[in-house]
PDB file of N, CA and C in Angstrom:
ATOM      1  N   MET A   1     -12.071  22.904   7.173  1.00  0.00           N
ATOM      2  CA  MET A   1     -12.888  21.759   7.515  1.00  0.00           C
ATOM      3  C   MET A   1     -13.376  21.049   6.264  1.00  0.00           C
ATOM      4  N   GLY A   2     -13.752  21.806   5.247  1.00  0.00           N
ATOM      5  CA  GLY A   2     -14.250  21.224   4.011  1.00  0.00           C
ATOM      6  C   GLY A   2     -13.183  20.440   3.262  1.00  0.00           C
ATOM      7  N   LYS A   3     -11.968  21.027   3.203  1.00  0.00           N
ATOM      8  CA  LYS A   3     -10.868  20.332   2.531  1.00  0.00           C
ATOM      9  C   LYS A   3     -10.524  19.033   3.237  1.00  0.00           C
ATOM     10  N   SER A   4     -10.565  19.051   4.555  1.00  0.00           N
ATOM     11  CA  SER A   4     -10.251  17.846   5.326  1.00  0.00           C
ATOM     12  C   SER A   4     -11.247  16.733   5.028  1.00  0.00           C
ATOM     13  N   LEU A   5     -12.523  17.078   4.924  1.00  0.00           N
ATOM     14  CA  LEU A   5     -13.535  16.071   4.614  1.00  0.00           C
ATOM     15  C   LEU A   5     -13.354  15.509   3.209  1.00  0.00           C
ATOM     16  N   ILE A   6     -12.992  16.358   2.269  1.00  0.00           N
ATOM     17  CA  ILE A   6     -12.740  15.891   0.903  1.00  0.00           C
ATOM     18  C   ILE A   6     -11.545  14.955   0.874  1.00  0.00           C
ATOM     19  N   ILE A   7     -10.470  15.312   1.571  1.00  0.00           N
ATOM     20  CA  ILE A   7      -9.272  14.476   1.610  1.00  0.00           C
ATOM     21  C   ILE A   7      -9.588  13.137   2.248  1.00  0.00           C
ATOM     22  N   ILE A   8     -10.303  13.140   3.358  1.00  0.00           N
ATOM     23  CA  ILE A   8     -10.677  11.890   4.022  1.00  0.00           C
ATOM     24  C   ILE A   8     -11.543  11.038   3.092  1.00  0.00           C
ATOM     25  N   GLY A   9     -12.457  11.670   2.360  1.00  0.00           N
ATOM     26  CA  GLY A   9     -13.303  10.948   1.421  1.00  0.00           C
ATOM     27  C   GLY A   9     -12.504  10.308   0.301  1.00  0.00           C
ATOM     28  N   VAL A  10     -11.548  11.039  -0.253  1.00  0.00           N
ATOM     29  CA  VAL A  10     -10.704  10.503  -1.324  1.00  0.00           C
ATOM     30  C   VAL A  10      -9.867   9.338  -0.805  1.00  0.00           C
ATOM     31  N   ILE A  11      -9.319   9.475   0.389  1.00  0.00           N
ATOM     32  CA  ILE A  11      -8.520   8.396   0.973  1.00  0.00           C
ATOM     33  C   ILE A  11      -9.379   7.162   1.197  1.00  0.00           C
ATOM     34  N   LEU A  12     -10.618   7.348   1.660  1.00  0.00           N
ATOM     35  CA  LEU A  12     -11.516   6.210   1.867  1.00  0.00           C
ATOM     36  C   LEU A  12     -11.895   5.541   0.551  1.00  0.00           C
ATOM     37  N   ILE A  13     -12.082   6.322  -0.501  1.00  0.00           N
ATOM     38  CA  ILE A  13     -12.377   5.741  -1.812  1.00  0.00           C
ATOM     39  C   ILE A  13     -11.196   4.928  -2.320  1.00  0.00           C
ATOM     40  N   ILE A  14      -9.999   5.467  -2.194  1.00  0.00           N
ATOM     41  CA  ILE A  14      -8.800   4.744  -2.629  1.00  0.00           C
ATOM     42  C   ILE A  14      -8.625   3.474  -1.815  1.00  0.00           C
ATOM     43  N   LEU A  15      -8.835   3.554  -0.511  1.00  0.00           N
ATOM     44  CA  LEU A  15      -8.729   2.377   0.346  1.00  0.00           C
ATOM     45  C   LEU A  15      -9.777   1.329  -0.028  1.00  0.00           C
ATOM     46  N   GLY A  16     -10.995   1.768  -0.319  1.00  0.00           N
ATOM     47  CA  GLY A  16     -12.052   0.846  -0.734  1.00  0.00           C
ATOM     48  C   GLY A  16     -11.729   0.158  -2.048  1.00  0.00           C
ATOM     49  N   LEU A  17     -11.177   0.899  -3.004  1.00  0.00           N
ATOM     50  CA  LEU A  17     -10.775   0.291  -4.272  1.00  0.00           C
ATOM     51  C   LEU A  17      -9.648  -0.710  -4.072  1.00  0.00           C
ATOM     52  N   PHE A  18      -8.713  -0.370  -3.189  1.00  0.00           N
ATOM     53  CA  PHE A  18      -7.602  -1.285  -2.919  1.00  0.00           C
ATOM     54  C   PHE A  18      -8.101  -2.572  -2.274  1.00  0.00           C
ATOM     55  N   ILE A  19      -9.045  -2.460  -1.348  1.00  0.00           N
ATOM     56  CA  ILE A  19      -9.584  -3.647  -0.694  1.00  0.00           C
ATOM     57  C   ILE A  19     -10.369  -4.490  -1.698  1.00  0.00           C
ATOM     58  N   THR A  20     -11.127  -3.832  -2.574  1.00  0.00           N
ATOM     59  CA  THR A  20     -11.933  -4.545  -3.559  1.00  0.00           C
ATOM     60  C   THR A  20     -11.074  -5.268  -4.584  1.00  0.00           C
ATOM     61  N   PHE A  21     -10.085  -4.586  -5.131  1.00  0.00           N
ATOM     62  CA  PHE A  21      -9.278  -5.164  -6.191  1.00  0.00           C
ATOM     63  C   PHE A  21      -7.915  -5.651  -5.722  1.00  0.00           C
ATOM     64  N   GLY A  22      -7.636  -5.578  -4.439  1.00  0.00           N
ATOM     65  CA  GLY A  22      -6.334  -5.965  -3.904  1.00  0.00           C
ATOM     66  C   GLY A  22      -6.018  -7.441  -4.059  1.00  0.00           C
ATOM     67  N   GLY A  23      -7.029  -8.292  -3.984  1.00  0.00           N
ATOM     68  CA  GLY A  23      -6.805  -9.721  -4.131  1.00  0.00           C
ATOM     69  C   GLY A  23      -6.402 -10.118  -5.537  1.00  0.00           C
ATOM     70  N   LYS A  24      -6.826  -9.347  -6.516  1.00  0.00           N
ATOM     71  CA  LYS A  24      -6.507  -9.644  -7.914  1.00  0.00           C
ATOM     72  C   LYS A  24      -5.118  -9.162  -8.308  1.00  0.00           C
ATOM     73  N   ILE A  25      -4.564  -8.238  -7.542  1.00  0.00           N
ATOM     74  CA  ILE A  25      -3.270  -7.653  -7.881  1.00  0.00           C
ATOM     75  C   ILE A  25      -2.108  -8.474  -7.323  1.00  0.00           C
ATOM     76  N   ASN A  26      -2.335  -9.290  -6.289  1.00  0.00           N
ATOM     77  CA  ASN A  26      -1.268 -10.024  -5.587  1.00  0.00           C
ATOM     78  C   ASN A  26      -0.224  -9.058  -5.050  1.00  0.00           C
ATOM     79  N   PHE A  27      -0.696  -8.070  -4.312  1.00  0.00           N
ATOM     80  CA  PHE A  27       0.160  -6.995  -3.811  1.00  0.00           C
ATOM     81  C   PHE A  27       1.274  -7.508  -2.912  1.00  0.00           C
ATOM     82  N   GLY A  28       1.057  -8.586  -2.181  1.00  0.00           N
ATOM     83  CA  GLY A  28       2.067  -9.087  -1.267  1.00  0.00           C
ATOM     84  C   GLY A  28       3.034 -10.074  -1.876  1.00  0.00           C
ATOM     85  N   LYS A  29       2.894 -10.369  -3.160  1.00  0.00           N
ATOM     86  CA  LYS A  29       3.762 -11.357  -3.803  1.00  0.00           C
ATOM     87  C   LYS A  29       4.362 -10.788  -5.082  1.00  0.00           C
ATOM     88  N   LEU A  30       5.038  -9.671  -4.945  1.00  0.00           N
ATOM     89  CA  LEU A  30       5.653  -9.020  -6.094  1.00  0.00           C
ATOM     90  C   LEU A  30       7.025  -9.622  -6.373  1.00  0.00           C
ATOM     91  N   PRO A  31       7.522  -9.498  -7.601  1.00  0.00           N
ATOM     92  CA  PRO A  31       8.891  -9.924  -7.881  1.00  0.00           C
ATOM     93  C   PRO A  31       9.869  -9.107  -7.039  1.00  0.00           C
ATOM     94  N   GLY A  32      10.805  -9.746  -6.443  1.00  0.00           N
ATOM     95  CA  GLY A  32      11.754  -9.064  -5.570  1.00  0.00           C
ATOM     96  C   GLY A  32      11.499  -9.329  -4.102  1.00  0.00           C
ATOM     97  N   ASP A  33      10.316  -9.830  -3.765  1.00  0.00           N
ATOM     98  CA  ASP A  33      10.039 -10.234  -2.392  1.00  0.00           C
ATOM     99  C   ASP A  33      10.817 -11.518  -2.101  1.00  0.00           C
ATOM    100  N   ILE A  34      11.403 -11.590  -0.934  1.00  0.00           N
ATOM    101  CA  ILE A  34      12.264 -12.719  -0.574  1.00  0.00           C
ATOM    102  C   ILE A  34      11.446 -13.760   0.179  1.00  0.00           C
ATOM    103  N   ILE A  35      11.456 -14.986  -0.345  1.00  0.00           N
ATOM    104  CA  ILE A  35      10.764 -16.101   0.304  1.00  0.00           C
ATOM    105  C   ILE A  35      11.747 -17.256   0.422  1.00  0.00           C
ATOM    106  N   VAL A  36      11.973 -17.720   1.662  1.00  0.00           N
ATOM    107  CA  VAL A  36      12.833 -18.870   1.915  1.00  0.00           C
ATOM    108  C   VAL A  36      11.978 -19.937   2.574  1.00  0.00           C
ATOM    109  N   LYS A  37      11.855 -21.094   1.914  1.00  0.00           N
ATOM    110  CA  LYS A  37      11.047 -22.193   2.460  1.00  0.00           C
ATOM    111  C   LYS A  37      11.967 -23.370   2.780  1.00  0.00           C
ATOM    112  N   ARG A  38      11.882 -23.823   4.007  1.00  0.00           N
ATOM    113  CA  ARG A  38      12.606 -25.015   4.469  1.00  0.00           C
ATOM    114  C   ARG A  38      11.585 -26.023   4.958  1.00  0.00           C
ATOM    115  N   GLU A  39      12.039 -27.096   5.570  1.00  0.00           N
ATOM    116  CA  GLU A  39      11.124 -28.142   6.025  1.00  0.00           C
ATOM    117  C   GLU A  39      10.099 -27.615   7.027  1.00  0.00           C
ATOM    118  N   ASN A  40      10.560 -27.046   8.131  1.00  0.00           N
ATOM    119  CA  ASN A  40       9.666 -26.558   9.180  1.00  0.00           C
ATOM    120  C   ASN A  40       9.727 -25.046   9.349  1.00  0.00           C
ATOM    121  N   PHE A  41      10.163 -24.362   8.314  1.00  0.00           N
ATOM    122  CA  PHE A  41      10.421 -22.934   8.460  1.00  0.00           C
ATOM    123  C   PHE A  41      10.129 -22.222   7.143  1.00  0.00           C
ATOM    124  N   THR A  42       9.434 -21.102   7.223  1.00  0.00           N
ATOM    125  CA  THR A  42       9.208 -20.247   6.060  1.00  0.00           C
ATOM    126  C   THR A  42       9.510 -18.815   6.463  1.00  0.00           C
ATOM    127  N   PHE A  43      10.386 -18.174   5.698  1.00  0.00           N
ATOM    128  CA  PHE A  43      10.743 -16.780   5.944  1.00  0.00           C
ATOM    129  C   PHE A  43      10.290 -15.954   4.749  1.00  0.00           C
ATOM    130  N   TYR A  44       9.513 -14.929   5.010  1.00  0.00           N
ATOM    131  CA  TYR A  44       8.988 -14.069   3.956  1.00  0.00           C
ATOM    132  C   TYR A  44       9.357 -12.628   4.274  1.00  0.00           C
ATOM    133  N   PHE A  45      10.099 -11.991   3.390  1.00  0.00           N
ATOM    134  CA  PHE A  45      10.506 -10.596   3.565  1.00  0.00           C
ATOM    135  C   PHE A  45      10.068  -9.815   2.331  1.00  0.00           C
ATOM    136  N   PRO A  46       8.958  -9.065   2.430  1.00  0.00           N
ATOM    137  CA  PRO A  46       8.398  -8.377   1.260  1.00  0.00           C
ATOM    138  C   PRO A  46       9.069  -7.031   0.981  1.00  0.00           C
ATOM    139  N   ILE A  47      10.310  -7.053   0.545  1.00  0.00           N
ATOM    140  CA  ILE A  47      11.054  -5.803   0.365  1.00  0.00           C
ATOM    141  C   ILE A  47      10.481  -4.953  -0.766  1.00  0.00           C
ATOM    142  N   THR A  48      10.128  -5.564  -1.884  1.00  0.00           N
ATOM    143  CA  THR A  48       9.558  -4.804  -3.000  1.00  0.00           C
ATOM    144  C   THR A  48       8.198  -4.226  -2.617  1.00  0.00           C
ATOM    145  N   THR A  49       7.394  -5.009  -1.909  1.00  0.00           N
ATOM    146  CA  THR A  49       6.090  -4.525  -1.460  1.00  0.00           C
ATOM    147  C   THR A  49       6.251  -3.353  -0.503  1.00  0.00           C
ATOM    148  N   MET A  50       7.224  -3.428   0.395  1.00  0.00           N
ATOM    149  CA  MET A  50       7.439  -2.336   1.341  1.00  0.00           C
ATOM    150  C   MET A  50       7.903  -1.064   0.637  1.00  0.00           C
ATOM    151  N   ILE A  51       8.763  -1.200  -0.365  1.00  0.00           N
ATOM    152  CA  ILE A  51       9.228  -0.031  -1.113  1.00  0.00           C
ATOM    153  C   ILE A  51       8.061   0.610  -1.863  1.00  0.00           C
ATOM    154  N   LEU A  52       7.232  -0.207  -2.518  1.00  0.00           N
ATOM    155  CA  LEU A  52       6.080   0.315  -3.241  1.00  0.00           C
ATOM    156  C   LEU A  52       5.082   0.975  -2.298  1.00  0.00           C
ATOM    157  N   LEU A  53       4.832   0.361  -1.163  1.00  0.00           N
ATOM    158  CA  LEU A  53       3.925   0.942  -0.177  1.00  0.00           C
ATOM    159  C   LEU A  53       4.473   2.257   0.370  1.00  0.00           C
ATOM    160  N   SER A  54       5.772   2.328   0.577  1.00  0.00           N
ATOM    161  CA  SER A  54       6.402   3.558   1.051  1.00  0.00           C
ATOM    162  C   SER A  54       6.258   4.676   0.027  1.00  0.00           C
ATOM    163  N   LEU A  55       6.442   4.362  -1.252  1.00  0.00           N
ATOM    164  CA  LEU A  55       6.281   5.370  -2.295  1.00  0.00           C
ATOM    165  C   LEU A  55       4.843   5.873  -2.370  1.00  0.00           C
ATOM    166  N   ILE A  56       3.874   4.965  -2.275  1.00  0.00           N
ATOM    167  CA  ILE A  56       2.470   5.355  -2.338  1.00  0.00           C
ATOM    168  C   ILE A  56       2.103   6.232  -1.149  1.00  0.00           C
ATOM    169  N   LEU A  57       2.516   5.826   0.059  1.00  0.00           N
ATOM    170  CA  LEU A  57       2.208   6.629   1.244  1.00  0.00           C
ATOM    171  C   LEU A  57       2.905   7.986   1.213  1.00  0.00           C
ATOM    172  N   SER A  58       4.137   8.023   0.711  1.00  0.00           N
ATOM    173  CA  SER A  58       4.846   9.300   0.594  1.00  0.00           C
ATOM    174  C   SER A  58       4.113  10.233  -0.360  1.00  0.00           C
ATOM    175  N   LEU A  59       3.609   9.695  -1.465  1.00  0.00           N
ATOM    176  CA  LEU A  59       2.860  10.505  -2.416  1.00  0.00           C
ATOM    177  C   LEU A  59       1.558  11.012  -1.806  1.00  0.00           C
ATOM    178  N   VAL A  60       0.851  10.156  -1.079  1.00  0.00           N
ATOM    179  CA  VAL A  60      -0.397  10.570  -0.430  1.00  0.00           C
ATOM    180  C   VAL A  60      -0.136  11.667   0.590  1.00  0.00           C
ATOM    181  N   PHE A  61       0.885  11.497   1.428  1.00  0.00           N
ATOM    182  CA  PHE A  61       1.185  12.517   2.434  1.00  0.00           C
ATOM    183  C   PHE A  61       1.664  13.818   1.799  1.00  0.00           C
ATOM    184  N   PHE A  62       2.388  13.724   0.683  1.00  0.00           N
ATOM    185  CA  PHE A  62       2.827  14.924  -0.031  1.00  0.00           C
ATOM    186  C   PHE A  62       1.616  15.691  -0.560  1.00  0.00           C
ATOM    187  N   ILE A  63       0.670  14.982  -1.163  1.00  0.00           N
ATOM    188  CA  ILE A  63      -0.520  15.628  -1.701  1.00  0.00           C
ATOM    189  C   ILE A  63      -1.360  16.247  -0.587  1.00  0.00           C
ATOM    190  N   VAL A  64      -1.511  15.519   0.519  1.00  0.00           N
ATOM    191  CA  VAL A  64      -2.278  16.050   1.665  1.00  0.00           C
ATOM    192  C   VAL A  64      -1.602  17.306   2.199  1.00  0.00           C
ATOM    193  N   ASN A  65      -0.284  17.300   2.289  1.00  0.00           N
ATOM    194  CA  ASN A  65       0.452  18.458   2.796  1.00  0.00           C
ATOM    195  C   ASN A  65       0.327  19.653   1.856  1.00  0.00           C
ATOM    196  N   LYS A  66       0.306  19.425   0.537  1.00  0.00           N
ATOM    197  CA  LYS A  66       0.179  20.514  -0.421  1.00  0.00           C
ATOM    198  C   LYS A  66      -1.216  21.130  -0.407  1.00  0.00           C
ATOM    199  N   LEU A  67      -2.242  20.339  -0.073  1.00  0.00           N
ATOM    200  CA  LEU A  67      -3.610  20.850  -0.066  1.00  0.00           C
ATOM    201  C   LEU A  67      -3.931  21.654   1.184  1.00  0.00           C
ATOM    202  N   ARG A  68      -3.089  21.634   2.181  1.00  0.00           N
ATOM    203  CA  ARG A  68      -3.333  22.402   3.405  1.00  0.00           C
ATOM    204  C   ARG A  68      -3.021  23.834   3.221  1.00  0.00           C
TER     205      ARG A  68
END
């Protein structure tokens, strides 16, 4: 129970830091993200952002799994 509370606390701190400083990082507009703009149409495919988010979540889940 104690480890779970610590893990939840760490995740909340990381999430809070991301929300606070996320606007300054431009997380959704990384190089490699595909943006197609036409007259009445805009297509946005954040492939680099998705890969980075997948790596971060995989690392978080790996650490959580190791602490159990």
